[in-house]
Amino acid sequence: MIKVSVMYPNSKDVQFDADYYKNTHLPMVSKLVGNTLKDLELNLGIASRVPGEPAPYVAIAHLKFDSIETFQESFGPHAETFAADTKNYTNVQAELQISNVVTF
């Protein structure tokens, strides 16, 4: 199992429409990649480790797939559609990390 984390850095000028992302963008992603998406979680940043400082990321979406290949095969054909929708909810470039999921 792998996790694709899509992380939106926070800054004083960041604009992020969490409602649009949660109710429109992520459901579109889920629908287009289909049943290859095993789990989807959205984290909205509220704080950092330093009291009073903003969270380092305004939002992080975690998408789980069986493998990198499954992710690439299901996500790749729609990458342009997903990228084009970005302007509808944010003005910041997302960072992406793919990780192996290790459970205990």
C-alpha atoms as a PDB file:
ATOM      1  CA  MET A   1       0.000   0.000   0.000  1.00  0.00           C
ATOM      2  CA  ILE A   2       1.227   3.495  -0.835  1.00  0.00           C
ATOM      3  CA  LYS A   3       0.032   6.896   0.267  1.00  0.00           C
ATOM      4  CA  VAL A   4       0.073   9.930  -1.994  1.00  0.00           C
ATOM      5  CA  SER A   5       0.148  13.073   0.140  1.00  0.00           C
ATOM      6  CA  VAL A   6      -0.799  16.305  -1.610  1.00  0.00           C
ATOM      7  CA  MET A   7       0.321  19.135   0.661  1.00  0.00           C
ATOM      8  CA  TYR A   8      -0.590  22.802   0.250  1.00  0.00           C
ATOM      9  CA  PRO A   9       1.979  25.057   2.011  1.00  0.00           C
ATOM     10  CA  ASN A  10       0.603  27.809   4.198  1.00  0.00           C
ATOM     11  CA  SER A  11       1.737  31.433   3.906  1.00  0.00           C
ATOM     12  CA  LYS A  12       0.365  34.889   4.617  1.00  0.00           C
ATOM     13  CA  ASP A  13      -0.858  35.229   1.013  1.00  0.00           C
ATOM     14  CA  VAL A  14      -2.310  31.753   0.561  1.00  0.00           C
ATOM     15  CA  GLN A  15      -5.887  31.444  -0.594  1.00  0.00           C
ATOM     16  CA  PHE A  16      -7.530  28.067  -0.143  1.00  0.00           C
ATOM     17  CA  ASP A  17     -11.239  27.283  -0.528  1.00  0.00           C
ATOM     18  CA  ALA A  18     -11.553  24.240   1.717  1.00  0.00           C
ATOM     19  CA  ASP A  19     -15.265  23.789   0.935  1.00  0.00           C
ATOM     20  CA  TYR A  20     -14.620  23.623  -2.802  1.00  0.00           C
ATOM     21  CA  TYR A  21     -11.671  21.273  -2.315  1.00  0.00           C
ATOM     22  CA  LYS A  22     -13.668  18.971  -0.025  1.00  0.00           C
ATOM     23  CA  ASN A  23     -17.003  19.040  -1.863  1.00  0.00           C
ATOM     24  CA  THR A  24     -15.962  19.385  -5.529  1.00  0.00           C
ATOM     25  CA  HIS A  25     -12.293  18.701  -6.237  1.00  0.00           C
ATOM     26  CA  LEU A  26     -11.706  15.594  -4.120  1.00  0.00           C
ATOM     27  CA  PRO A  27     -14.991  13.931  -5.176  1.00  0.00           C
ATOM     28  CA  MET A  28     -13.970  14.547  -8.816  1.00  0.00           C
ATOM     29  CA  VAL A  29     -10.579  12.925  -8.179  1.00  0.00           C
ATOM     30  CA  SER A  30     -12.240   9.980  -6.452  1.00  0.00           C
ATOM     31  CA  LYS A  31     -14.727   9.481  -9.279  1.00  0.00           C
ATOM     32  CA  LEU A  32     -12.125   9.677 -12.063  1.00  0.00           C
ATOM     33  CA  VAL A  33      -9.533   7.350 -10.490  1.00  0.00           C
ATOM     34  CA  GLY A  34     -12.288   4.911  -9.538  1.00  0.00           C
ATOM     35  CA  ASN A  35     -11.893   1.907  -7.298  1.00  0.00           C
ATOM     36  CA  THR A  36      -8.090   2.032  -7.453  1.00  0.00           C
ATOM     37  CA  LEU A  37      -8.398   4.668  -4.709  1.00  0.00           C
ATOM     38  CA  LYS A  38      -8.511   2.661  -1.480  1.00  0.00           C
ATOM     39  CA  ASP A  39      -8.818   5.505   1.024  1.00  0.00           C
ATOM     40  CA  LEU A  40      -9.019   9.292   1.007  1.00  0.00           C
ATOM     41  CA  GLU A  41      -8.435  11.602   3.945  1.00  0.00           C
ATOM     42  CA  LEU A  42      -8.332  15.385   4.159  1.00  0.00           C
ATOM     43  CA  ASN A  43      -6.459  17.217   6.917  1.00  0.00           C
ATOM     44  CA  LEU A  44      -7.035  20.963   7.294  1.00  0.00           C
ATOM     45  CA  GLY A  45      -4.231  22.716   9.188  1.00  0.00           C
ATOM     46  CA  ILE A  46      -5.170  24.579  12.350  1.00  0.00           C
ATOM     47  CA  ALA A  47      -1.871  25.059  14.225  1.00  0.00           C
ATOM     48  CA  SER A  48       1.826  24.260  14.336  1.00  0.00           C
ATOM     49  CA  ARG A  49       4.027  22.939  17.108  1.00  0.00           C
ATOM     50  CA  VAL A  50       4.715  26.527  18.188  1.00  0.00           C
ATOM     51  CA  PRO A  51       1.707  28.088  19.961  1.00  0.00           C
ATOM     52  CA  GLY A  52       0.259  30.999  18.023  1.00  0.00           C
ATOM     53  CA  GLU A  53       1.972  30.137  14.729  1.00  0.00           C
ATOM     54  CA  PRO A  54      -0.091  28.965  11.762  1.00  0.00           C
ATOM     55  CA  ALA A  55       0.044  25.386  10.517  1.00  0.00           C
ATOM     56  CA  PRO A  56       2.814  24.752   7.968  1.00  0.00           C
ATOM     57  CA  TYR A  57       0.226  23.368   5.526  1.00  0.00           C
ATOM     58  CA  VAL A  58      -3.234  24.791   4.941  1.00  0.00           C
ATOM     59  CA  ALA A  59      -4.421  21.370   3.745  1.00  0.00           C
ATOM     60  CA  ILE A  60      -3.081  17.885   3.126  1.00  0.00           C
ATOM     61  CA  ALA A  61      -4.956  15.223   1.187  1.00  0.00           C
ATOM     62  CA  HIS A  62      -3.882  11.608   1.666  1.00  0.00           C
ATOM     63  CA  LEU A  63      -4.824   9.144  -1.064  1.00  0.00           C
ATOM     64  CA  LYS A  64      -4.050   5.436  -0.699  1.00  0.00           C
ATOM     65  CA  PHE A  65      -3.450   3.054  -3.588  1.00  0.00           C
ATOM     66  CA  ASP A  66      -2.215  -0.534  -3.802  1.00  0.00           C
ATOM     67  CA  SER A  67       0.958   0.480  -5.653  1.00  0.00           C
ATOM     68  CA  ILE A  68       2.750   3.294  -7.444  1.00  0.00           C
ATOM     69  CA  GLU A  69       1.818   1.649 -10.741  1.00  0.00           C
ATOM     70  CA  THR A  70      -1.882   1.607  -9.833  1.00  0.00           C
ATOM     71  CA  PHE A  71      -1.679   5.262  -8.822  1.00  0.00           C
ATOM     72  CA  GLN A  72       0.093   6.272 -12.037  1.00  0.00           C
ATOM     73  CA  GLU A  73      -2.268   4.288 -14.281  1.00  0.00           C
ATOM     74  CA  SER A  74      -5.422   5.722 -12.707  1.00  0.00           C
ATOM     75  CA  PHE A  75      -4.224   9.269 -11.966  1.00  0.00           C
ATOM     76  CA  GLY A  76      -2.063   9.953 -15.022  1.00  0.00           C
ATOM     77  CA  PRO A  77      -4.826  10.122 -17.652  1.00  0.00           C
ATOM     78  CA  HIS A  78      -6.623  12.775 -15.575  1.00  0.00           C
ATOM     79  CA  ALA A  79      -3.632  14.794 -14.331  1.00  0.00           C
ATOM     80  CA  GLU A  80      -4.366  17.732 -16.659  1.00  0.00           C
ATOM     81  CA  THR A  81      -7.992  17.870 -15.502  1.00  0.00           C
ATOM     82  CA  PHE A  82      -6.935  17.871 -11.853  1.00  0.00           C
ATOM     83  CA  ALA A  83      -4.294  20.554 -12.473  1.00  0.00           C
ATOM     84  CA  ALA A  84      -6.732  22.763 -14.405  1.00  0.00           C
ATOM     85  CA  ASP A  85      -9.158  22.699 -11.467  1.00  0.00           C
ATOM     86  CA  THR A  86      -6.527  24.012  -9.034  1.00  0.00           C
ATOM     87  CA  LYS A  87      -7.307  27.638  -9.897  1.00  0.00           C
ATOM     88  CA  ASN A  88     -10.810  27.094  -8.520  1.00  0.00           C
ATOM     89  CA  TYR A  89      -9.634  26.546  -4.950  1.00  0.00           C
ATOM     90  CA  THR A  90      -6.085  27.845  -4.368  1.00  0.00           C
ATOM     91  CA  ASN A  91      -3.277  30.119  -5.463  1.00  0.00           C
ATOM     92  CA  VAL A  92      -0.495  27.897  -4.076  1.00  0.00           C
ATOM     93  CA  GLN A  93       1.435  25.055  -5.729  1.00  0.00           C
ATOM     94  CA  ALA A  94       0.970  21.736  -3.954  1.00  0.00           C
ATOM     95  CA  GLU A  95       3.856  19.536  -2.885  1.00  0.00           C
ATOM     96  CA  LEU A  96       3.449  15.818  -3.509  1.00  0.00           C
ATOM     97  CA  GLN A  97       5.010  12.915  -1.665  1.00  0.00           C
ATOM     98  CA  ILE A  98       4.546   9.205  -2.284  1.00  0.00           C
ATOM     99  CA  SER A  99       5.225   6.996   0.727  1.00  0.00           C
ATOM    100  CA  ASN A 100       5.145   3.342   1.641  1.00  0.00           C
ATOM    101  CA  VAL A 101       2.539   2.746   4.311  1.00  0.00           C
ATOM    102  CA  VAL A 102       3.907   0.844   7.281  1.00  0.00           C
ATOM    103  CA  THR A 103       1.427  -0.211   9.955  1.00  0.00           C
ATOM    104  CA  PHE A 104       2.172  -1.537  13.426  1.00  0.00           C
END
